[in-house]
Protein backbone atom coordinates (compact mmCIF):
# COMPACT_ATOMS: atom_id res chain seq x y z
CA MET A 1 14.17 2.32 -7.47
CA ILE A 2 14.11 1.52 -3.77
CA PHE A 3 13.77 4.69 -1.71
CA ASN A 4 16.01 3.36 1.09
CA SER A 5 18.88 2.44 -1.24
CA PHE A 6 22.20 4.13 -2.03
CA GLN A 7 21.09 4.29 -5.67
CA PHE A 8 18.19 6.57 -4.72
CA LEU A 9 20.49 8.93 -2.81
CA TRP A 10 22.66 9.69 -5.85
CA LEU A 11 20.19 9.13 -8.71
CA PHE A 12 17.15 11.09 -7.57
CA PRO A 13 18.97 14.47 -7.31
CA LEU A 14 20.03 13.99 -10.95
CA ILE A 15 16.44 13.16 -11.94
CA PHE A 16 15.16 16.16 -10.01
CA ALA A 17 17.65 18.56 -11.62
CA GLY A 18 17.04 17.23 -15.12
CA TYR A 19 13.28 17.32 -14.64
CA TYR A 20 13.24 21.05 -13.93
CA LEU A 21 16.21 22.22 -16.04
CA LEU A 22 15.90 20.32 -19.34
CA PRO A 23 12.37 21.52 -20.28
CA ARG A 24 13.56 25.13 -19.82
CA LEU A 25 16.74 24.43 -21.76
CA PHE A 26 14.77 23.01 -24.72
CA ARG A 27 11.88 25.46 -24.15
CA GLN A 28 9.37 22.62 -24.40
CA PRO A 29 7.17 22.16 -21.27
CA SER A 30 5.87 18.81 -22.59
CA PHE A 31 9.45 17.50 -22.47
CA ALA A 32 9.06 17.05 -18.69
CA ASN A 33 6.39 14.37 -19.14
CA LYS A 34 8.40 12.52 -21.75
CA LEU A 35 11.44 12.64 -19.51
CA LEU A 36 9.39 11.27 -16.58
CA LEU A 37 8.02 8.52 -18.80
CA ALA A 38 11.50 7.49 -19.94
CA ILE A 39 12.75 7.53 -16.33
CA SER A 40 9.74 5.50 -15.13
CA TYR A 41 10.24 2.78 -17.72
CA GLY A 42 14.03 2.83 -17.30
CA LEU A 43 13.76 2.33 -13.54
CA TYR A 44 11.13 -0.37 -13.95
CA MET A 45 13.31 -2.25 -16.44
CA GLN A 46 16.06 -2.49 -13.82
CA TRP A 47 14.16 -5.37 -12.22
CA ASN A 48 13.57 -7.36 -15.41
CA PRO A 49 13.46 -5.66 -18.82
CA ALA A 50 11.04 -8.26 -20.18
CA TYR A 51 8.41 -7.34 -17.58
CA ALA A 52 8.17 -3.83 -19.03
CA LEU A 53 6.25 -5.57 -21.83
CA ILE A 54 3.61 -6.59 -19.27
CA LEU A 55 3.36 -2.98 -18.09
CA LEU A 56 3.12 -1.80 -21.69
CA GLY A 57 0.53 -4.48 -22.50
CA VAL A 58 -1.78 -3.54 -19.63
CA THR A 59 -1.41 0.12 -20.61
CA THR A 60 -2.21 -0.58 -24.27
CA VAL A 61 -5.26 -2.74 -23.51
CA THR A 62 -6.89 -0.26 -21.13
CA TYR A 63 -6.05 2.71 -23.36
CA GLY A 64 -7.46 1.09 -26.49
CA PHE A 65 -10.60 -0.32 -24.87
CA SER A 66 -11.38 2.99 -23.17
CA LEU A 67 -11.40 4.73 -26.57
CA TRP A 68 -13.52 1.92 -28.00
CA ILE A 69 -16.01 2.22 -25.12
CA GLU A 70 -16.20 5.98 -25.60
CA ARG A 71 -17.14 5.54 -29.27
CA GLN A 72 -20.05 3.27 -28.29
CA ALA A 73 -21.81 6.04 -26.38
CA HIS A 74 -25.34 4.83 -27.17
CA GLU A 75 -24.72 1.07 -27.26
CA LYS A 76 -25.17 0.00 -23.64
CA ARG A 77 -24.77 -3.74 -24.20
CA ARG A 78 -21.72 -3.27 -26.41
CA ARG A 79 -20.14 -0.90 -23.90
CA LYS A 80 -20.63 -3.47 -21.15
CA LEU A 81 -19.14 -6.23 -23.28
CA LEU A 82 -16.14 -4.08 -24.18
CA MET A 83 -15.61 -3.16 -20.54
CA ALA A 84 -15.71 -6.82 -19.49
CA CYS A 85 -13.31 -7.86 -22.28
CA GLY A 86 -10.89 -5.00 -21.58
CA ALA A 87 -10.84 -5.61 -17.83
CA THR A 88 -10.34 -9.37 -18.36
CA LEU A 89 -7.43 -8.86 -20.75
CA ALA A 90 -5.83 -6.29 -18.44
CA LEU A 91 -6.20 -8.56 -15.40
CA LEU A 92 -4.98 -11.67 -17.23
CA PRO A 93 -1.23 -11.12 -16.62
CA LEU A 94 -1.95 -10.55 -12.91
CA LEU A 95 -4.01 -13.76 -12.74
CA VAL A 96 -1.37 -15.80 -14.59
CA PHE A 97 1.76 -14.53 -12.86
CA LYS A 98 0.39 -14.17 -9.35
CA TYR A 99 -2.29 -16.85 -9.01
CA TYR A 100 -1.62 -19.62 -11.55
CA ASN A 101 0.64 -21.67 -9.26
CA PHE A 102 -1.70 -21.16 -6.30
CA ILE A 103 -4.71 -22.33 -8.32
CA THR A 104 -2.95 -25.39 -9.76
CA GLU A 105 -1.52 -26.41 -6.38
CA SER A 106 -4.96 -26.05 -4.76
CA ILE A 107 -6.59 -28.16 -7.50
CA THR A 108 -3.87 -30.80 -7.26
CA SER A 109 -4.32 -31.07 -3.48
CA ILE A 110 -8.08 -31.68 -3.90
CA LEU A 111 -8.38 -33.80 -7.03
CA PRO A 112 -6.84 -37.27 -7.37
CA PHE A 113 -4.85 -36.79 -10.62
CA GLY A 114 -1.16 -35.91 -11.01
CA GLU A 115 0.47 -32.55 -10.60
CA LEU A 116 -0.36 -29.77 -13.02
CA PRO A 117 2.56 -27.89 -14.63
CA GLY A 118 3.65 -24.80 -12.74
CA LEU A 119 5.35 -21.52 -13.62
CA ASN A 120 8.87 -20.71 -12.48
CA TRP A 121 8.64 -17.02 -13.39
CA ALA A 122 8.89 -14.34 -10.75
CA VAL A 123 5.90 -12.06 -10.35
CA PRO A 124 6.46 -8.71 -12.16
CA ILE A 125 7.10 -6.12 -9.51
CA GLY A 126 4.21 -3.77 -8.76
CA ILE A 127 1.84 -5.67 -11.05
CA SER A 128 -1.09 -5.53 -8.59
CA PHE A 129 -0.77 -1.76 -8.22
CA PHE A 130 -0.42 -0.69 -11.85
CA THR A 131 -3.03 -3.22 -13.00
CA PHE A 132 -5.65 -1.98 -10.53
CA GLN A 133 -4.86 1.64 -11.43
CA ALA A 134 -5.31 0.94 -15.16
CA VAL A 135 -8.45 -1.15 -14.67
CA GLY A 136 -9.91 1.55 -12.40
CA TYR A 137 -9.40 4.05 -15.22
CA LEU A 138 -11.22 1.72 -17.63
CA PHE A 139 -14.16 1.42 -15.22
CA ASP A 140 -14.28 5.20 -14.79
CA VAL A 141 -14.57 5.65 -18.56
CA TYR A 142 -17.29 2.99 -18.71
CA TYR A 143 -19.30 4.62 -15.91
CA ARG A 144 -18.79 8.04 -17.60
CA ARG A 145 -17.03 9.48 -14.56
CA ILE A 146 -14.29 10.74 -16.86
CA GLU A 147 -13.69 11.04 -20.58
CA ALA A 148 -11.26 8.65 -22.24
CA GLU A 149 -7.70 9.93 -22.44
CA HIS A 150 -6.58 10.50 -26.05
CA ASN A 151 -2.95 11.41 -25.38
CA TRP A 152 -1.06 8.11 -25.44
CA TRP A 153 2.09 9.47 -23.78
CA ASP A 154 0.20 11.07 -20.90
CA TYR A 155 -1.71 7.85 -20.28
CA MET A 156 1.51 5.81 -20.32
CA LEU A 157 2.92 8.10 -17.64
CA PHE A 158 -0.30 7.81 -15.61
CA VAL A 159 0.12 4.02 -15.39
CA ALA A 160 3.92 3.92 -15.01
CA PHE A 161 4.70 6.99 -12.84
CA PHE A 162 7.79 5.80 -10.99
CA PRO A 163 7.22 7.03 -7.39
CA GLN A 164 4.03 4.96 -7.04
CA ILE A 165 4.37 2.01 -9.42
CA LEU A 166 5.99 -0.37 -6.91
CA SER A 167 3.63 0.00 -3.93
CA GLY A 168 1.09 2.65 -4.78
CA PRO A 169 -0.80 4.68 -3.89
CA ILE A 170 -3.35 3.58 -6.50
CA SER A 171 -4.26 6.90 -8.09
CA LYS A 172 -7.49 7.71 -9.87
CA ALA A 173 -7.30 9.11 -13.38
CA ALA A 174 -9.49 12.06 -12.35
CA ASP A 175 -6.83 13.00 -9.76
CA LEU A 176 -3.53 12.26 -11.51
CA LEU A 177 -4.12 12.83 -15.25
CA PRO A 178 -5.00 16.55 -14.86
CA GLN A 179 -1.76 16.99 -12.94
CA ILE A 180 0.18 15.25 -15.72
CA LYS A 181 -1.35 17.60 -18.28
CA ALA A 182 -0.75 20.75 -16.23
CA GLU A 183 2.49 22.68 -16.43
CA ARG A 184 4.42 22.20 -13.21
CA VAL A 185 6.92 24.66 -11.78
CA PHE A 186 9.21 24.42 -8.80
CA ARG A 187 7.66 25.79 -5.60
CA HIS A 188 9.65 26.16 -2.41
CA ASP A 189 6.74 25.26 -0.12
CA ASP A 190 5.98 22.08 -2.06
CA ALA A 191 9.63 21.06 -2.01
CA ALA A 192 9.87 21.68 1.74
CA GLN A 193 6.75 19.60 2.41
CA GLY A 194 8.01 16.82 0.14
CA LEU A 195 11.34 16.66 1.95
CA LYS A 196 9.56 16.50 5.32
CA TRP A 197 7.46 13.55 4.16
CA MET A 198 10.54 11.80 2.81
CA LEU A 199 12.43 12.33 6.06
CA TRP A 200 9.62 10.98 8.24
CA GLY A 201 8.96 8.14 5.79
CA MET A 202 12.62 7.14 5.93
CA PHE A 203 12.47 7.12 9.74
CA LEU A 204 9.39 4.88 9.67
CA LYS A 205 11.08 2.47 7.28
CA VAL A 206 14.73 2.12 8.35
CA VAL A 207 14.58 3.10 12.03
CA MET A 208 11.30 1.53 13.13
CA ALA A 209 10.08 -1.03 10.56
CA ASP A 210 13.41 -2.63 9.65
CA ARG A 211 14.59 -2.55 13.26
CA LEU A 212 11.42 -4.29 14.48
CA GLY A 213 11.75 -6.71 11.58
CA LEU A 214 15.02 -8.06 13.01
CA TYR A 215 13.12 -9.36 16.04
CA VAL A 216 10.03 -10.44 14.11
CA ASP A 217 12.03 -12.58 11.68
CA LYS A 218 14.02 -14.25 14.46
CA VAL A 219 10.88 -15.25 16.37
CA PHE A 220 8.37 -16.06 13.63
CA ASP A 221 10.88 -17.91 11.46
CA ASN A 222 11.67 -20.10 14.48
CA TYR A 223 8.37 -19.96 16.33
CA ILE A 224 8.57 -23.62 17.34
CA TYR A 225 11.50 -22.80 19.62
CA ASN A 226 10.07 -19.57 21.02
CA SER A 227 7.62 -18.98 23.86
CA GLY A 228 4.10 -17.63 23.61
CA SER A 229 5.21 -14.34 25.16
CA SER A 230 7.92 -13.97 22.51
CA CYS A 231 5.36 -14.70 19.77
CA LEU A 232 3.00 -12.11 21.25
CA LEU A 233 5.71 -9.45 21.29
CA ALA A 234 6.71 -10.42 17.74
CA SER A 235 3.09 -10.07 16.60
CA ILE A 236 2.88 -6.56 18.11
CA PHE A 237 6.22 -5.66 16.55
CA TYR A 238 5.02 -6.97 13.17
CA THR A 239 1.85 -4.89 13.45
CA PHE A 240 4.02 -1.78 13.71
CA GLN A 241 6.61 -3.09 11.26
CA ILE A 242 4.14 -3.41 8.40
CA TYR A 243 2.69 0.00 9.26
CA GLY A 244 6.09 1.68 9.30
CA ASP A 245 7.18 -0.14 6.17
CA PHE A 246 4.10 0.64 4.05
CA ALA A 247 3.34 4.09 5.45
CA GLY A 248 7.04 4.92 5.10
CA TYR A 249 6.99 3.99 1.42
CA SER A 250 3.78 5.93 0.85
CA LEU A 251 5.18 9.05 2.51
CA MET A 252 8.37 8.85 0.47
CA ALA A 253 6.34 8.38 -2.72
CA MET A 254 4.23 11.41 -1.76
CA GLY A 255 7.41 13.36 -1.03
CA VAL A 256 9.03 12.52 -4.36
CA GLY A 257 5.78 13.34 -6.12
CA ARG A 258 5.44 16.69 -4.32
CA LEU A 259 9.04 17.61 -5.19
CA MET A 260 8.08 17.10 -8.84
CA GLY A 261 4.86 19.05 -8.57
CA PHE A 262 2.39 16.18 -8.03
CA ASN A 263 -0.09 15.63 -5.22
CA LEU A 264 -0.42 11.88 -4.63
CA VAL A 265 -3.01 10.23 -2.41
CA ASN A 266 -2.17 9.98 1.29
CA ASN A 267 -2.52 6.25 1.98
CA PHE A 268 -2.52 6.35 5.80
CA ARG A 269 -4.20 8.33 8.56
CA ARG A 270 -3.08 6.87 11.90
CA PRO A 271 -4.83 3.49 11.40
CA TYR A 272 -3.97 2.04 14.82
CA LEU A 273 -6.02 4.74 16.51
CA SER A 274 -9.19 3.50 14.81
CA VAL A 275 -12.27 2.83 16.92
CA SER A 276 -13.55 -0.01 14.71
CA ILE A 277 -12.41 -2.25 11.86
CA THR A 278 -14.62 -0.18 9.56
CA ASP A 279 -12.77 2.92 10.74
CA PHE A 280 -9.46 1.09 10.31
CA TRP A 281 -10.16 0.61 6.60
CA ARG A 282 -10.88 4.31 6.25
CA ARG A 283 -7.36 4.94 7.51
CA TRP A 284 -5.28 1.97 6.22
CA HIS A 285 -4.23 1.70 2.55
CA ILE A 286 -6.81 4.33 1.72
CA SER A 287 -6.28 4.16 -2.05
CA LEU A 288 -7.01 0.40 -2.11
CA SER A 289 -10.01 0.83 0.20
CA THR A 290 -11.35 3.50 -2.15
CA TRP A 291 -10.72 1.29 -5.19
CA LEU A 292 -12.57 -1.64 -3.60
CA LYS A 293 -15.47 0.59 -2.59
CA ASP A 294 -15.81 2.22 -6.03
CA TYR A 295 -15.25 -0.83 -8.25
CA VAL A 296 -16.38 -3.82 -6.16
CA TYR A 297 -18.65 -2.81 -3.25
CA ILE A 298 -20.81 -0.16 -4.96
CA PRO A 299 -21.23 -2.06 -8.28
CA LEU A 300 -22.40 -5.09 -6.26
CA GLY A 301 -25.10 -2.90 -4.74
CA GLY A 302 -23.37 -1.35 -1.73
CA SER A 303 -25.70 -0.68 1.20
CA ARG A 304 -28.76 0.15 -0.92
CA CYS A 305 -30.27 -3.27 -0.43
CA SER A 306 -31.44 -5.62 2.31
CA ARG A 307 -29.31 -6.09 5.41
CA TRP A 308 -28.19 -9.63 4.52
CA ARG A 309 -27.44 -8.65 0.95
CA ASN A 310 -25.29 -5.82 2.25
CA TYR A 311 -23.41 -8.25 4.49
CA TRP A 312 -22.71 -10.37 1.42
CA HIS A 313 -21.34 -7.32 -0.43
CA ILE A 314 -18.98 -6.59 2.48
CA PHE A 315 -17.84 -10.21 2.56
CA VAL A 316 -17.12 -10.33 -1.20
CA THR A 317 -15.30 -6.98 -1.11
CA PHE A 318 -12.90 -8.12 1.58
CA LEU A 319 -12.50 -11.52 -0.02
CA VAL A 320 -11.25 -9.62 -3.08
CA SER A 321 -8.97 -7.61 -0.79
CA GLY A 322 -7.47 -10.80 0.61
CA VAL A 323 -6.98 -12.31 -2.85
CA TRP A 324 -5.39 -9.07 -4.10
CA HIS A 325 -2.77 -9.22 -1.35
CA GLY A 326 -1.39 -12.59 -2.36
CA ALA A 327 -1.83 -16.10 -3.71
CA ASN A 328 -2.00 -17.86 -0.36
CA TRP A 329 -4.81 -19.09 1.88
CA THR A 330 -3.40 -16.94 4.68
CA PHE A 331 -4.27 -13.76 2.76
CA ILE A 332 -7.70 -15.09 1.84
CA VAL A 333 -8.52 -15.92 5.46
CA TRP A 334 -7.10 -12.55 6.51
CA GLY A 335 -9.47 -10.79 4.11
CA ILE A 336 -12.43 -12.91 5.22
CA LEU A 337 -11.67 -12.07 8.86
CA HIS A 338 -11.71 -8.35 8.17
CA GLY A 339 -14.97 -8.74 6.28
CA ALA A 340 -16.47 -10.77 9.15
CA PHE A 341 -15.36 -8.19 11.72
CA GLN A 342 -17.10 -5.45 9.75
CA ILE A 343 -20.27 -7.48 9.33
CA VAL A 344 -20.44 -8.03 13.11
CA GLU A 345 -19.80 -4.32 13.71
CA LYS A 346 -22.57 -3.35 11.33
CA ALA A 347 -25.00 -5.86 12.86
CA LEU A 348 -24.29 -4.39 16.31
CA GLY A 349 -24.27 -0.79 15.12
CA LEU A 350 -20.62 -0.33 16.09
CA GLN A 351 -19.29 0.76 12.70
CA ARG A 352 -19.88 4.42 13.51
CA SER A 353 -16.86 6.24 14.90
CA GLU A 354 -18.57 8.47 17.47
CA ALA A 355 -16.88 7.57 20.75
CA LYS A 356 -15.26 9.65 23.48
CA GLY A 357 -13.21 9.24 26.62
CA VAL A 358 -12.78 5.79 28.14
CA VAL A 359 -15.17 4.24 25.60
CA ARG A 360 -13.02 5.50 22.75
CA GLY A 361 -9.87 4.20 24.42
CA GLY A 362 -11.45 0.78 24.92
CA ARG A 363 -12.60 0.60 21.31
CA ILE A 364 -9.17 1.62 20.05
CA LEU A 365 -7.57 -1.15 22.12
CA LEU A 366 -10.09 -3.78 20.96
CA THR A 367 -9.67 -2.78 17.32
CA PHE A 368 -5.89 -2.92 17.67
CA LEU A 369 -6.06 -6.43 19.16
CA LEU A 370 -8.31 -7.67 16.35
CA VAL A 371 -6.04 -6.16 13.70
CA ASN A 372 -2.99 -7.58 15.46
CA PHE A 373 -4.57 -11.05 15.53
CA ALA A 374 -5.29 -10.89 11.81
CA TRP A 375 -1.74 -9.74 11.00
CA ILE A 376 -0.41 -13.06 12.36
CA LEU A 377 -2.23 -14.86 9.56
CA PHE A 378 -0.91 -12.28 7.12
CA ARG A 379 2.72 -12.77 8.20
CA MET A 380 2.98 -16.55 8.49
CA PRO A 381 3.62 -18.74 5.42
CA ASP A 382 0.61 -21.03 5.91
CA ILE A 383 -2.53 -21.46 7.99
CA ALA A 384 -1.10 -24.27 10.11
CA SER A 385 1.90 -22.28 11.32
CA ALA A 386 -0.29 -19.22 11.96
CA TRP A 387 -2.61 -21.24 14.22
CA GLU A 388 0.39 -22.73 16.03
CA VAL A 389 1.66 -19.22 16.78
CA ILE A 390 -1.80 -18.14 17.95
CA GLY A 391 -2.02 -21.29 20.08
CA LYS A 392 1.33 -20.50 21.71
CA ILE A 393 0.19 -16.96 22.49
CA CYS A 394 -3.01 -18.25 24.10
CA THR A 395 -1.38 -21.00 26.18
CA ASP A 396 2.27 -20.12 26.81
CA LEU A 397 2.51 -16.53 28.02
CA SER A 398 4.27 -17.45 31.26
CA SER A 399 7.42 -18.73 29.54
CA PRO A 400 10.53 -16.52 29.37
CA LEU A 401 10.51 -13.71 26.84
CA PHE A 402 13.23 -13.79 24.19
CA LEU A 403 14.97 -10.46 23.70
CA SER A 404 17.72 -9.83 21.18
CA SER A 405 20.71 -7.61 21.94
CA LYS A 406 20.18 -4.78 24.40
CA THR A 407 20.91 -2.22 21.69
CA ASN A 408 18.35 -3.61 19.27
CA THR A 409 15.75 -3.98 22.03
CA LEU A 410 16.26 -0.41 23.23
CA LEU A 411 16.16 1.04 19.70
CA SER A 412 13.10 -1.02 18.79
CA PHE A 413 11.05 0.23 21.73
CA ALA A 414 12.36 3.81 21.38
CA SER A 415 11.42 4.03 17.69
CA LEU A 416 8.01 2.44 18.30
CA LEU A 417 7.29 4.84 21.19
CA THR A 418 8.32 7.81 19.02
CA VAL A 419 5.88 6.85 16.27
CA VAL A 420 3.06 6.20 18.75
CA CYS A 421 3.60 9.59 20.40
CA VAL A 422 3.65 11.42 17.05
CA ASP A 423 0.47 9.67 15.87
CA CYS A 424 -1.31 10.32 19.18
CA ALA A 425 -0.32 13.98 19.11
CA ASN A 426 -1.63 14.40 15.56
CA GLU A 427 -4.82 12.45 16.36
CA PHE A 428 -5.85 14.00 19.65
CA LYS A 429 -4.38 17.49 19.21
CA PRO A 430 -4.80 18.06 15.47
CA GLY A 431 -4.77 21.86 15.67
CA ASN A 432 -1.32 22.04 17.27
CA ARG A 433 1.78 22.40 15.11
CA TRP A 434 4.30 19.83 16.28
CA LEU A 435 8.04 19.56 15.69
CA MET A 436 8.56 19.62 11.88
CA ALA A 437 5.35 21.67 11.51
CA SER A 438 6.18 24.08 14.33
CA ARG A 439 5.97 27.81 13.65
CA ARG A 440 9.33 28.25 15.38
CA THR A 441 12.22 27.86 12.95
CA SER A 442 14.57 26.58 15.66
CA VAL A 443 12.15 23.77 16.61
CA ARG A 444 11.64 22.73 13.00
CA TRP A 445 15.33 22.56 12.20
CA ALA A 446 16.13 20.80 15.45
CA SER A 447 13.53 18.18 14.50
CA TYR A 448 15.09 17.75 11.05
CA PHE A 449 18.56 17.23 12.50
CA VAL A 450 17.37 14.82 15.20
CA LEU A 451 15.48 12.70 12.67
CA ALA A 452 18.37 12.70 10.20
CA PHE A 453 20.81 11.81 13.00
CA ALA A 454 18.52 8.99 14.17
CA ILE A 455 18.26 7.64 10.63
CA LEU A 456 22.02 7.66 10.09
CA LEU A 457 22.89 6.33 13.54
CA CYS A 458 20.05 3.86 14.19
CA GLY A 459 18.72 2.93 10.75
CA VAL A 460 19.02 -0.56 9.30
CA PHE A 461 20.60 0.13 5.90
CA ASP A 462 20.42 -3.20 4.11
CA SER A 463 18.25 -1.79 1.28
CA GLY A 464 15.61 -4.23 2.49
CA GLN A 465 12.67 -4.41 0.12
CA PHE A 466 9.37 -2.87 1.12
CA ILE A 467 6.86 -5.51 2.22
CA TYR A 468 4.06 -4.41 -0.12
CA VAL A 469 6.29 -4.51 -3.20
CA SER A 470 5.69 -8.28 -3.23
CA PHE A 471 1.93 -7.65 -3.57
């Protein structure tokens, strides 16, 4: 279910009412989890009913192997073998659906024989997110961070929980499973906070991200005919578009979760105010960063090794990050770039975030420019077109700047400026209670009405898909 769709507006209130009323009507608290599970699978099957079998398969494999690993408490080699087999089987659908065509096309382009057969199947939606969540649970059982879950229905809900299955956040079993098992009751404060997150998330998505996307698509899809200055502006707009799009989804997922009594991971913490690339990854897609740290970086050896070995661990971790994002060389190079930036920072001792005044401002600007540069590779369909856009930006800034309609231009800059001001206020004056968090009731409600009015008047309501759903 897309949060910015008409379907969500009429269906979620029914889900919300049924979720709190039916368990009381039947006097069975456990009914709430079964209802959520049925809703989660029903919504997922809207995309393609057959792909629910992939979701069920990944769930079954990780559930069964976790129990098997738990029974082999004193057999270290057998536990390791079971973990490797379970993770491989769980990751297999992701590898086949998402990377098979990329691998075969890459092999065909290198080797002199004919084309290898390809797959014409669409990638199951959300497969990267629910697969990593399930595999993370399996690793946690193997490393004895948690005990294996014995309740099949609770584990199914953990993997398929509908607010987060499409684009995360990637929850840890230690965080989400206890909440699934606990009895949840409606709380006014939680509902109010959830609605605030949903309102701000909707603003980020339909007012800023989708509005900026109108310009980005026009320029980048026709970059050959646009100037370097237009490409530069489009790259900056895309940097904020992907932030608004993904952070907007995450906030709406958190809001839906909070309305239903769940505390989901906050995926973003003002990433464009980071003072280094290392700091950026502590603030951007936090649940994925945590997953990569816990299940790739630390098992490789982390920083408890020689300097050069540590650099290799950083490189491999961000190579995995690039591959996770998509089956394209652009994503791989994007991941390698972020790994290289962090290696340079660590070699120069710049990964620490202690900076003040002008120095902090300069580091924020430099980090933003590096991130913006890397996003060009992320956005373009291939390496060649990405380098052509970068070449235009470096050599053709004096040419006229393309601007779309006056209305779209004005709304684009106004929405971007609003988000920047809100993030700066929360970053540099964290103790103050702004707008929707104000202690004054009149200020809070004025903020709600202004945001709602802006969404209805200025939002782009084409039910455009969230960018990270394709990952």
